[in-house]
Amino acid sequence: MTKKYFYLLFFTLFLAIGSIQAQEPKSSSTTIEDLNFYPNPVTNGKIYISSKNVSSKEVTIYDVLGKKVLQTTLNVNNKEVNIGTLNSGVYIIKIKEGDATATRKLIVK
């Protein structure tokens, strides 16, 4: 009797796991072409962001816990972000340019 329940449970789990499908990753066309930001690690309190497309960029910086610590928008003439208010540590920088986004690790010394 116990063996019958075991097989029934196993079969049910097999069907449940078989029906789960992974999400498809976003297409590569939503990444920013030739994105470059420097210096990394940052020592002077400023980073410079450039890419192939010359358009405004929305820059958001998060700490490692996911808390937003800085948000700014760069216009087409400005490539400099002042991060002098950030403490030393590791951060996540998210750059959005139109529909394209990029996320990178940022180290502040």
PDB file of N, CA and C in Angstrom:
ATOM      1  N   MET A   1       0.830  -1.188   0.000  1.00  0.00           N
ATOM      2  CA  MET A   1       0.000   0.000   0.000  1.00  0.00           C
ATOM      3  C   MET A   1       0.879   1.258   0.000  1.00  0.00           C
ATOM      4  N   THR A   2       1.907   1.274   0.843  1.00  0.00           N
ATOM      5  CA  THR A   2       2.807   2.421   0.914  1.00  0.00           C
ATOM      6  C   THR A   2       3.541   2.604  -0.408  1.00  0.00           C
ATOM      7  N   LYS A   3       3.892   1.480  -1.006  1.00  0.00           N
ATOM      8  CA  LYS A   3       4.600   1.529  -2.279  1.00  0.00           C
ATOM      9  C   LYS A   3       3.727   2.173  -3.360  1.00  0.00           C
ATOM     10  N   LYS A   4       2.427   1.905  -3.314  1.00  0.00           N
ATOM     11  CA  LYS A   4       1.502   2.469  -4.283  1.00  0.00           C
ATOM     12  C   LYS A   4       1.431   3.989  -4.141  1.00  0.00           C
ATOM     13  N   TYR A   5       1.376   4.479  -2.907  1.00  0.00           N
ATOM     14  CA  TYR A   5       1.348   5.933  -2.668  1.00  0.00           C
ATOM     15  C   TYR A   5       2.656   6.589  -3.104  1.00  0.00           C
ATOM     16  N   PHE A   6       3.766   5.896  -2.871  1.00  0.00           N
ATOM     17  CA  PHE A   6       5.059   6.425  -3.278  1.00  0.00           C
ATOM     18  C   PHE A   6       5.097   6.625  -4.799  1.00  0.00           C
ATOM     19  N   TYR A   7       4.658   5.614  -5.547  1.00  0.00           N
ATOM     20  CA  TYR A   7       4.652   5.725  -6.995  1.00  0.00           C
ATOM     21  C   TYR A   7       3.682   6.801  -7.476  1.00  0.00           C
ATOM     22  N   LEU A   8       2.547   6.928  -6.820  1.00  0.00           N
ATOM     23  CA  LEU A   8       1.578   7.957  -7.170  1.00  0.00           C
ATOM     24  C   LEU A   8       2.162   9.353  -6.922  1.00  0.00           C
ATOM     25  N   LEU A   9       2.822   9.533  -5.780  1.00  0.00           N
ATOM     26  CA  LEU A   9       3.467  10.813  -5.459  1.00  0.00           C
ATOM     27  C   LEU A   9       4.588  11.099  -6.462  1.00  0.00           C
ATOM     28  N   PHE A  10       5.395  10.098  -6.773  1.00  0.00           N
ATOM     29  CA  PHE A  10       6.488  10.267  -7.722  1.00  0.00           C
ATOM     30  C   PHE A  10       5.951  10.659  -9.096  1.00  0.00           C
ATOM     31  N   PHE A  11       4.920  10.009  -9.561  1.00  0.00           N
ATOM     32  CA  PHE A  11       4.320  10.308 -10.861  1.00  0.00           C
ATOM     33  C   PHE A  11       3.757  11.729 -10.892  1.00  0.00           C
ATOM     34  N   THR A  12       3.099  12.164  -9.809  1.00  0.00           N
ATOM     35  CA  THR A  12       2.542  13.510  -9.725  1.00  0.00           C
ATOM     36  C   THR A  12       3.648  14.563  -9.770  1.00  0.00           C
ATOM     37  N   LEU A  13       4.714  14.340  -9.021  1.00  0.00           N
ATOM     38  CA  LEU A  13       5.843  15.271  -9.042  1.00  0.00           C
ATOM     39  C   LEU A  13       6.491  15.318 -10.419  1.00  0.00           C
ATOM     40  N   PHE A  14       6.599  14.171 -11.063  1.00  0.00           N
ATOM     41  CA  PHE A  14       7.178  14.114 -12.401  1.00  0.00           C
ATOM     42  C   PHE A  14       6.363  14.953 -13.379  1.00  0.00           C
ATOM     43  N   LEU A  15       5.051  14.847 -13.312  1.00  0.00           N
ATOM     44  CA  LEU A  15       4.199  15.648 -14.194  1.00  0.00           C
ATOM     45  C   LEU A  15       4.287  17.130 -13.870  1.00  0.00           C
ATOM     46  N   ALA A  16       4.353  17.467 -12.582  1.00  0.00           N
ATOM     47  CA  ALA A  16       4.429  18.873 -12.184  1.00  0.00           C
ATOM     48  C   ALA A  16       5.741  19.501 -12.651  1.00  0.00           C
ATOM     49  N   ILE A  17       6.829  18.792 -12.464  1.00  0.00           N
ATOM     50  CA  ILE A  17       8.130  19.331 -12.875  1.00  0.00           C
ATOM     51  C   ILE A  17       8.226  19.393 -14.397  1.00  0.00           C
ATOM     52  N   GLY A  18       7.649  18.433 -15.085  1.00  0.00           N
ATOM     53  CA  GLY A  18       7.684  18.415 -16.540  1.00  0.00           C
ATOM     54  C   GLY A  18       6.922  19.566 -17.165  1.00  0.00           C
ATOM     55  N   SER A  19       5.921  20.086 -16.453  1.00  0.00           N
ATOM     56  CA  SER A  19       5.127  21.176 -17.013  1.00  0.00           C
ATOM     57  C   SER A  19       5.738  22.546 -16.763  1.00  0.00           C
ATOM     58  N   ILE A  20       6.739  22.622 -15.895  1.00  0.00           N
ATOM     59  CA  ILE A  20       7.402  23.899 -15.606  1.00  0.00           C
ATOM     60  C   ILE A  20       8.383  24.199 -16.733  1.00  0.00           C
ATOM     61  N   GLN A  21       8.327  25.423 -17.259  1.00  0.00           N
ATOM     62  CA  GLN A  21       9.235  25.814 -18.326  1.00  0.00           C
ATOM     63  C   GLN A  21       9.977  27.065 -17.919  1.00  0.00           C
ATOM     64  N   ALA A  22      11.225  27.144 -18.280  1.00  0.00           N
ATOM     65  CA  ALA A  22      12.035  28.326 -17.980  1.00  0.00           C
ATOM     66  C   ALA A  22      11.646  29.458 -18.911  1.00  0.00           C
ATOM     67  N   GLN A  23      11.774  30.688 -18.398  1.00  0.00           N
ATOM     68  CA  GLN A  23      11.518  31.846 -19.238  1.00  0.00           C
ATOM     69  C   GLN A  23      12.665  32.011 -20.215  1.00  0.00           C
ATOM     70  N   GLU A  24      12.336  32.456 -21.399  1.00  0.00           N
ATOM     71  CA  GLU A  24      13.367  32.707 -22.390  1.00  0.00           C
ATOM     72  C   GLU A  24      14.062  34.019 -22.060  1.00  0.00           C
ATOM     73  N   PRO A  25      15.381  34.080 -22.189  1.00  0.00           N
ATOM     74  CA  PRO A  25      16.079  35.331 -21.908  1.00  0.00           C
ATOM     75  C   PRO A  25      15.700  36.399 -22.925  1.00  0.00           C
ATOM     76  N   LYS A  26      15.857  37.635 -22.505  1.00  0.00           N
ATOM     77  CA  LYS A  26      15.586  38.744 -23.422  1.00  0.00           C
ATOM     78  C   LYS A  26      16.569  38.704 -24.574  1.00  0.00           C
ATOM     79  N   SER A  27      16.141  39.172 -25.698  1.00  0.00           N
ATOM     80  CA  SER A  27      17.015  39.144 -26.865  1.00  0.00           C
ATOM     81  C   SER A  27      18.193  40.096 -26.663  1.00  0.00           C
ATOM     82  N   SER A  28      19.260  39.821 -27.360  1.00  0.00           N
ATOM     83  CA  SER A  28      20.479  40.613 -27.189  1.00  0.00           C
ATOM     84  C   SER A  28      20.345  42.017 -27.766  1.00  0.00           C
ATOM     85  N   SER A  29      19.248  42.289 -28.470  1.00  0.00           N
ATOM     86  CA  SER A  29      19.076  43.612 -29.053  1.00  0.00           C
ATOM     87  C   SER A  29      18.712  44.655 -28.004  1.00  0.00           C
ATOM     88  N   THR A  30      18.460  44.226 -26.752  1.00  0.00           N
ATOM     89  CA  THR A  30      18.113  45.172 -25.705  1.00  0.00           C
ATOM     90  C   THR A  30      19.321  45.543 -24.853  1.00  0.00           C
ATOM     91  N   THR A  31      20.522  45.260 -25.324  1.00  0.00           N
ATOM     92  CA  THR A  31      21.719  45.664 -24.607  1.00  0.00           C
ATOM     93  C   THR A  31      22.313  46.902 -25.277  1.00  0.00           C
ATOM     94  N   ILE A  32      23.038  47.656 -24.515  1.00  0.00           N
ATOM     95  CA  ILE A  32      23.634  48.895 -25.023  1.00  0.00           C
ATOM     96  C   ILE A  32      24.919  48.556 -25.788  1.00  0.00           C
ATOM     97  N   GLU A  33      24.983  48.996 -27.044  1.00  0.00           N
ATOM     98  CA  GLU A  33      26.147  48.706 -27.873  1.00  0.00           C
ATOM     99  C   GLU A  33      27.355  49.529 -27.441  1.00  0.00           C
ATOM    100  N   ASP A  34      28.500  48.869 -27.359  1.00  0.00           N
ATOM    101  CA  ASP A  34      29.790  49.497 -27.033  1.00  0.00           C
ATOM    102  C   ASP A  34      29.734  50.345 -25.764  1.00  0.00           C
ATOM    103  N   LEU A  35      29.044  49.845 -24.746  1.00  0.00           N
ATOM    104  CA  LEU A  35      28.980  50.563 -23.469  1.00  0.00           C
ATOM    105  C   LEU A  35      30.333  50.526 -22.794  1.00  0.00           C
ATOM    106  N   ASN A  36      30.746  51.684 -22.309  1.00  0.00           N
ATOM    107  CA  ASN A  36      32.010  51.797 -21.606  1.00  0.00           C
ATOM    108  C   ASN A  36      31.829  52.763 -20.451  1.00  0.00           C
ATOM    109  N   PHE A  37      32.171  52.326 -19.256  1.00  0.00           N
ATOM    110  CA  PHE A  37      32.216  53.269 -18.133  1.00  0.00           C
ATOM    111  C   PHE A  37      33.519  53.049 -17.373  1.00  0.00           C
ATOM    112  N   TYR A  38      34.102  54.126 -16.969  1.00  0.00           N
ATOM    113  CA  TYR A  38      35.436  54.096 -16.375  1.00  0.00           C
ATOM    114  C   TYR A  38      35.598  55.275 -15.438  1.00  0.00           C
ATOM    115  N   PRO A  39      36.507  55.268 -14.511  1.00  0.00           N
ATOM    116  CA  PRO A  39      37.332  54.149 -14.064  1.00  0.00           C
ATOM    117  C   PRO A  39      36.535  53.209 -13.160  1.00  0.00           C
ATOM    118  N   ASN A  40      36.948  51.996 -13.122  1.00  0.00           N
ATOM    119  CA  ASN A  40      36.342  51.024 -12.217  1.00  0.00           C
ATOM    120  C   ASN A  40      37.464  50.113 -11.750  1.00  0.00           C
ATOM    121  N   PRO A  41      37.911  50.225 -10.535  1.00  0.00           N
ATOM    122  CA  PRO A  41      37.338  50.885  -9.371  1.00  0.00           C
ATOM    123  C   PRO A  41      37.518  52.405  -9.391  1.00  0.00           C
ATOM    124  N   VAL A  42      36.553  53.074  -8.774  1.00  0.00           N
ATOM    125  CA  VAL A  42      36.521  54.534  -8.736  1.00  0.00           C
ATOM    126  C   VAL A  42      37.305  55.024  -7.525  1.00  0.00           C
ATOM    127  N   THR A  43      38.202  55.993  -7.761  1.00  0.00           N
ATOM    128  CA  THR A  43      38.955  56.580  -6.653  1.00  0.00           C
ATOM    129  C   THR A  43      38.762  58.092  -6.561  1.00  0.00           C
ATOM    130  N   ASN A  44      38.320  58.731  -7.651  1.00  0.00           N
ATOM    131  CA  ASN A  44      38.225  60.192  -7.660  1.00  0.00           C
ATOM    132  C   ASN A  44      36.796  60.711  -7.496  1.00  0.00           C
ATOM    133  N   GLY A  45      35.815  59.844  -7.318  1.00  0.00           N
ATOM    134  CA  GLY A  45      34.447  60.291  -7.094  1.00  0.00           C
ATOM    135  C   GLY A  45      33.657  60.586  -8.361  1.00  0.00           C
ATOM    136  N   LYS A  46      34.196  60.258  -9.525  1.00  0.00           N
ATOM    137  CA  LYS A  46      33.493  60.496 -10.789  1.00  0.00           C
ATOM    138  C   LYS A  46      33.671  59.300 -11.708  1.00  0.00           C
ATOM    139  N   ILE A  47      32.579  58.954 -12.436  1.00  0.00           N
ATOM    140  CA  ILE A  47      32.690  57.944 -13.478  1.00  0.00           C
ATOM    141  C   ILE A  47      32.228  58.560 -14.786  1.00  0.00           C
ATOM    142  N   TYR A  48      32.743  58.035 -15.866  1.00  0.00           N
ATOM    143  CA  TYR A  48      32.417  58.527 -17.199  1.00  0.00           C
ATOM    144  C   TYR A  48      31.769  57.386 -17.982  1.00  0.00           C
ATOM    145  N   ILE A  49      30.640  57.681 -18.623  1.00  0.00           N
ATOM    146  CA  ILE A  49      29.878  56.669 -19.337  1.00  0.00           C
ATOM    147  C   ILE A  49      29.752  57.070 -20.801  1.00  0.00           C
ATOM    148  N   SER A  50      30.065  56.143 -21.683  1.00  0.00           N
ATOM    149  CA  SER A  50      29.912  56.408 -23.112  1.00  0.00           C
ATOM    150  C   SER A  50      29.408  55.142 -23.802  1.00  0.00           C
ATOM    151  N   SER A  51      28.804  55.329 -24.970  1.00  0.00           N
ATOM    152  CA  SER A  51      28.340  54.192 -25.769  1.00  0.00           C
ATOM    153  C   SER A  51      28.330  54.600 -27.233  1.00  0.00           C
ATOM    154  N   LYS A  52      28.040  53.636 -28.086  1.00  0.00           N
ATOM    155  CA  LYS A  52      28.002  53.897 -29.528  1.00  0.00           C
ATOM    156  C   LYS A  52      26.882  54.875 -29.875  1.00  0.00           C
ATOM    157  N   ASN A  53      25.729  54.703 -29.258  1.00  0.00           N
ATOM    158  CA  ASN A  53      24.579  55.571 -29.496  1.00  0.00           C
ATOM    159  C   ASN A  53      24.703  56.839 -28.654  1.00  0.00           C
ATOM    160  N   VAL A  54      24.589  57.978 -29.274  1.00  0.00           N
ATOM    161  CA  VAL A  54      24.687  59.239 -28.555  1.00  0.00           C
ATOM    162  C   VAL A  54      23.272  59.710 -28.211  1.00  0.00           C
ATOM    163  N   SER A  55      22.800  59.290 -27.040  1.00  0.00           N
ATOM    164  CA  SER A  55      21.491  59.727 -26.561  1.00  0.00           C
ATOM    165  C   SER A  55      21.546  59.801 -25.040  1.00  0.00           C
ATOM    166  N   SER A  56      20.492  60.342 -24.443  1.00  0.00           N
ATOM    167  CA  SER A  56      20.496  60.487 -22.997  1.00  0.00           C
ATOM    168  C   SER A  56      20.440  59.112 -22.332  1.00  0.00           C
ATOM    169  N   LYS A  57      21.025  59.039 -21.135  1.00  0.00           N
ATOM    170  CA  LYS A  57      21.096  57.795 -20.389  1.00  0.00           C
ATOM    171  C   LYS A  57      20.561  58.020 -18.981  1.00  0.00           C
ATOM    172  N   GLU A  58      19.795  57.068 -18.497  1.00  0.00           N
ATOM    173  CA  GLU A  58      19.330  57.100 -17.111  1.00  0.00           C
ATOM    174  C   GLU A  58      20.224  56.157 -16.319  1.00  0.00           C
ATOM    175  N   VAL A  59      20.892  56.702 -15.297  1.00  0.00           N
ATOM    176  CA  VAL A  59      21.851  55.941 -14.508  1.00  0.00           C
ATOM    177  C   VAL A  59      21.299  55.775 -13.100  1.00  0.00           C
ATOM    178  N   THR A  60      21.225  54.530 -12.640  1.00  0.00           N
ATOM    179  CA  THR A  60      20.768  54.228 -11.288  1.00  0.00           C
ATOM    180  C   THR A  60      21.811  53.341 -10.638  1.00  0.00           C
ATOM    181  N   ILE A  61      22.161  53.673  -9.393  1.00  0.00           N
ATOM    182  CA  ILE A  61      23.155  52.896  -8.658  1.00  0.00           C
ATOM    183  C   ILE A  61      22.483  52.325  -7.411  1.00  0.00           C
ATOM    184  N   TYR A  62      22.699  51.017  -7.190  1.00  0.00           N
ATOM    185  CA  TYR A  62      22.138  50.301  -6.052  1.00  0.00           C
ATOM    186  C   TYR A  62      23.262  49.751  -5.191  1.00  0.00           C
ATOM    187  N   ASP A  63      23.017  49.661  -3.875  1.00  0.00           N
ATOM    188  CA  ASP A  63      23.990  48.976  -3.031  1.00  0.00           C
ATOM    189  C   ASP A  63      23.769  47.471  -3.168  1.00  0.00           C
ATOM    190  N   VAL A  64      24.583  46.672  -2.495  1.00  0.00           N
ATOM    191  CA  VAL A  64      24.491  45.218  -2.668  1.00  0.00           C
ATOM    192  C   VAL A  64      23.209  44.637  -2.078  1.00  0.00           C
ATOM    193  N   LEU A  65      22.505  45.393  -1.270  1.00  0.00           N
ATOM    194  CA  LEU A  65      21.233  44.930  -0.725  1.00  0.00           C
ATOM    195  C   LEU A  65      20.060  45.290  -1.629  1.00  0.00           C
ATOM    196  N   GLY A  66      20.331  46.018  -2.720  1.00  0.00           N
ATOM    197  CA  GLY A  66      19.288  46.375  -3.664  1.00  0.00           C
ATOM    198  C   GLY A  66      18.641  47.720  -3.404  1.00  0.00           C
ATOM    199  N   LYS A  67      19.157  48.480  -2.456  1.00  0.00           N
ATOM    200  CA  LYS A  67      18.615  49.795  -2.144  1.00  0.00           C
ATOM    201  C   LYS A  67      19.176  50.826  -3.128  1.00  0.00           C
ATOM    202  N   LYS A  68      18.281  51.628  -3.706  1.00  0.00           N
ATOM    203  CA  LYS A  68      18.712  52.663  -4.648  1.00  0.00           C
ATOM    204  C   LYS A  68      19.433  53.759  -3.876  1.00  0.00           C
ATOM    205  N   VAL A  69      20.675  54.049  -4.253  1.00  0.00           N
ATOM    206  CA  VAL A  69      21.458  55.060  -3.549  1.00  0.00           C
ATOM    207  C   VAL A  69      21.715  56.302  -4.390  1.00  0.00           C
ATOM    208  N   LEU A  70      21.548  56.197  -5.712  1.00  0.00           N
ATOM    209  CA  LEU A  70      21.773  57.357  -6.569  1.00  0.00           C
ATOM    210  C   LEU A  70      21.038  57.142  -7.889  1.00  0.00           C
ATOM    211  N   GLN A  71      20.414  58.214  -8.383  1.00  0.00           N
ATOM    212  CA  GLN A  71      19.760  58.153  -9.688  1.00  0.00           C
ATOM    213  C   GLN A  71      19.954  59.498 -10.374  1.00  0.00           C
ATOM    214  N   THR A  72      20.341  59.436 -11.636  1.00  0.00           N
ATOM    215  CA  THR A  72      20.557  60.648 -12.407  1.00  0.00           C
ATOM    216  C   THR A  72      20.339  60.356 -13.886  1.00  0.00           C
ATOM    217  N   THR A  73      20.164  61.421 -14.642  1.00  0.00           N
ATOM    218  CA  THR A  73      20.012  61.302 -16.090  1.00  0.00           C
ATOM    219  C   THR A  73      21.127  62.098 -16.755  1.00  0.00           C
ATOM    220  N   LEU A  74      21.793  61.466 -17.703  1.00  0.00           N
ATOM    221  CA  LEU A  74      22.851  62.135 -18.454  1.00  0.00           C
ATOM    222  C   LEU A  74      22.293  62.556 -19.802  1.00  0.00           C
ATOM    223  N   ASN A  75      22.446  63.831 -20.140  1.00  0.00           N
ATOM    224  CA  ASN A  75      22.016  64.270 -21.473  1.00  0.00           C
ATOM    225  C   ASN A  75      23.108  63.941 -22.485  1.00  0.00           C
ATOM    226  N   VAL A  76      22.878  64.268 -23.731  1.00  0.00           N
ATOM    227  CA  VAL A  76      23.810  63.869 -24.795  1.00  0.00           C
ATOM    228  C   VAL A  76      25.182  64.514 -24.656  1.00  0.00           C
ATOM    229  N   ASN A  77      25.269  65.670 -24.026  1.00  0.00           N
ATOM    230  CA  ASN A  77      26.553  66.358 -23.880  1.00  0.00           C
ATOM    231  C   ASN A  77      27.313  65.951 -22.632  1.00  0.00           C
ATOM    232  N   ASN A  78      26.614  65.353 -21.652  1.00  0.00           N
ATOM    233  CA  ASN A  78      27.233  65.025 -20.369  1.00  0.00           C
ATOM    234  C   ASN A  78      27.531  63.535 -20.306  1.00  0.00           C
ATOM    235  N   LYS A  79      28.758  63.187 -19.947  1.00  0.00           N
ATOM    236  CA  LYS A  79      29.145  61.790 -19.791  1.00  0.00           C
ATOM    237  C   LYS A  79      29.642  61.504 -18.386  1.00  0.00           C
ATOM    238  N   GLU A  80      29.559  62.472 -17.489  1.00  0.00           N
ATOM    239  CA  GLU A  80      30.159  62.365 -16.166  1.00  0.00           C
ATOM    240  C   GLU A  80      29.092  62.205 -15.092  1.00  0.00           C
ATOM    241  N   VAL A  81      29.306  61.254 -14.184  1.00  0.00           N
ATOM    242  CA  VAL A  81      28.421  61.051 -13.039  1.00  0.00           C
ATOM    243  C   VAL A  81      29.238  61.255 -11.778  1.00  0.00           C
ATOM    244  N   ASN A  82      28.781  62.143 -10.912  1.00  0.00           N
ATOM    245  CA  ASN A  82      29.458  62.418  -9.654  1.00  0.00           C
ATOM    246  C   ASN A  82      28.953  61.433  -8.608  1.00  0.00           C
ATOM    247  N   ILE A  83      29.837  60.561  -8.137  1.00  0.00           N
ATOM    248  CA  ILE A  83      29.465  59.595  -7.114  1.00  0.00           C
ATOM    249  C   ILE A  83      30.264  59.829  -5.832  1.00  0.00           C
ATOM    250  N   GLY A  84      30.686  61.049  -5.626  1.00  0.00           N
ATOM    251  CA  GLY A  84      31.487  61.394  -4.460  1.00  0.00           C
ATOM    252  C   GLY A  84      30.768  61.187  -3.139  1.00  0.00           C
ATOM    253  N   THR A  85      29.436  61.129  -3.160  1.00  0.00           N
ATOM    254  CA  THR A  85      28.679  60.938  -1.921  1.00  0.00           C
ATOM    255  C   THR A  85      28.596  59.470  -1.493  1.00  0.00           C
ATOM    256  N   LEU A  86      29.021  58.551  -2.357  1.00  0.00           N
ATOM    257  CA  LEU A  86      28.938  57.126  -2.025  1.00  0.00           C
ATOM    258  C   LEU A  86      30.117  56.704  -1.163  1.00  0.00           C
ATOM    259  N   ASN A  87      29.844  55.839  -0.188  1.00  0.00           N
ATOM    260  CA  ASN A  87      30.898  55.272   0.651  1.00  0.00           C
ATOM    261  C   ASN A  87      31.650  54.210  -0.133  1.00  0.00           C
ATOM    262  N   SER A  88      32.820  53.855   0.341  1.00  0.00           N
ATOM    263  CA  SER A  88      33.595  52.782  -0.283  1.00  0.00           C
ATOM    264  C   SER A  88      32.805  51.489  -0.219  1.00  0.00           C
ATOM    265  N   GLY A  89      32.871  50.715  -1.300  1.00  0.00           N
ATOM    266  CA  GLY A  89      32.171  49.439  -1.322  1.00  0.00           C
ATOM    267  C   GLY A  89      31.841  48.997  -2.728  1.00  0.00           C
ATOM    268  N   VAL A  90      31.010  47.964  -2.816  1.00  0.00           N
ATOM    269  CA  VAL A  90      30.600  47.394  -4.089  1.00  0.00           C
ATOM    270  C   VAL A  90      29.156  47.796  -4.357  1.00  0.00           C
ATOM    271  N   TYR A  91      28.888  48.227  -5.575  1.00  0.00           N
ATOM    272  CA  TYR A  91      27.569  48.687  -5.985  1.00  0.00           C
ATOM    273  C   TYR A  91      27.199  48.050  -7.312  1.00  0.00           C
ATOM    274  N   ILE A  92      25.919  48.138  -7.646  1.00  0.00           N
ATOM    275  CA  ILE A  92      25.417  47.695  -8.941  1.00  0.00           C
ATOM    276  C   ILE A  92      24.971  48.939  -9.695  1.00  0.00           C
ATOM    277  N   ILE A  93      25.465  49.124 -10.908  1.00  0.00           N
ATOM    278  CA  ILE A  93      25.078  50.281 -11.711  1.00  0.00           C
ATOM    279  C   ILE A  93      24.205  49.794 -12.871  1.00  0.00           C
ATOM    280  N   LYS A  94      23.069  50.437 -13.032  1.00  0.00           N
ATOM    281  CA  LYS A  94      22.146  50.109 -14.118  1.00  0.00           C
ATOM    282  C   LYS A  94      22.057  51.319 -15.032  1.00  0.00           C
ATOM    283  N   ILE A  95      22.330  51.114 -16.302  1.00  0.00           N
ATOM    284  CA  ILE A  95      22.325  52.194 -17.285  1.00  0.00           C
ATOM    285  C   ILE A  95      21.239  51.877 -18.304  1.00  0.00           C
ATOM    286  N   LYS A  96      20.338  52.830 -18.503  1.00  0.00           N
ATOM    287  CA  LYS A  96      19.248  52.647 -19.457  1.00  0.00           C
ATOM    288  C   LYS A  96      19.379  53.698 -20.540  1.00  0.00           C
ATOM    289  N   GLU A  97      19.344  53.242 -21.792  1.00  0.00           N
ATOM    290  CA  GLU A  97      19.467  54.123 -22.947  1.00  0.00           C
ATOM    291  C   GLU A  97      18.367  53.735 -23.929  1.00  0.00           C
ATOM    292  N   GLY A  98      17.292  54.497 -23.965  1.00  0.00           N
ATOM    293  CA  GLY A  98      16.142  54.128 -24.781  1.00  0.00           C
ATOM    294  C   GLY A  98      15.506  52.873 -24.222  1.00  0.00           C
ATOM    295  N   ASP A  99      15.359  51.842 -25.054  1.00  0.00           N
ATOM    296  CA  ASP A  99      14.815  50.561 -24.608  1.00  0.00           C
ATOM    297  C   ASP A  99      15.907  49.606 -24.124  1.00  0.00           C
ATOM    298  N   ALA A 100      17.157  49.951 -24.329  1.00  0.00           N
ATOM    299  CA  ALA A 100      18.271  49.082 -23.972  1.00  0.00           C
ATOM    300  C   ALA A 100      18.739  49.369 -22.551  1.00  0.00           C
ATOM    301  N   THR A 101      19.125  48.307 -21.855  1.00  0.00           N
ATOM    302  CA  THR A 101      19.651  48.461 -20.498  1.00  0.00           C
ATOM    303  C   THR A 101      20.900  47.611 -20.333  1.00  0.00           C
ATOM    304  N   ALA A 102      21.727  48.007 -19.382  1.00  0.00           N
ATOM    305  CA  ALA A 102      22.922  47.241 -19.030  1.00  0.00           C
ATOM    306  C   ALA A 102      23.120  47.359 -17.534  1.00  0.00           C
ATOM    307  N   THR A 103      23.563  46.278 -16.921  1.00  0.00           N
ATOM    308  CA  THR A 103      23.808  46.250 -15.487  1.00  0.00           C
ATOM    309  C   THR A 103      25.236  45.747 -15.277  1.00  0.00           C
ATOM    310  N   ARG A 104      25.996  46.473 -14.457  1.00  0.00           N
ATOM    311  CA  ARG A 104      27.388  46.125 -14.205  1.00  0.00           C
ATOM    312  C   ARG A 104      27.708  46.302 -12.715  1.00  0.00           C
ATOM    313  N   LYS A 105      28.838  45.747 -12.310  1.00  0.00           N
ATOM    314  CA  LYS A 105      29.331  45.915 -10.956  1.00  0.00           C
ATOM    315  C   LYS A 105      30.214  47.157 -10.914  1.00  0.00           C
ATOM    316  N   LEU A 106      30.064  47.942  -9.856  1.00  0.00           N
ATOM    317  CA  LEU A 106      30.851  49.165  -9.682  1.00  0.00           C
ATOM    318  C   LEU A 106      31.534  49.093  -8.326  1.00  0.00           C
ATOM    319  N   ILE A 107      32.828  49.354  -8.301  1.00  0.00           N
ATOM    320  CA  ILE A 107      33.585  49.337  -7.061  1.00  0.00           C
ATOM    321  C   ILE A 107      34.050  50.751  -6.750  1.00  0.00           C
ATOM    322  N   VAL A 108      33.766  51.203  -5.531  1.00  0.00           N
ATOM    323  CA  VAL A 108      34.166  52.541  -5.089  1.00  0.00           C
ATOM    324  C   VAL A 108      35.198  52.356  -3.980  1.00  0.00           C
ATOM    325  N   LYS A 109      36.389  52.943  -4.177  1.00  0.00           N
ATOM    326  CA  LYS A 109      37.455  52.849  -3.166  1.00  0.00           C
ATOM    327  C   LYS A 109      37.540  54.115  -2.359  1.00  0.00           C
TER     328      LYS A 109
END
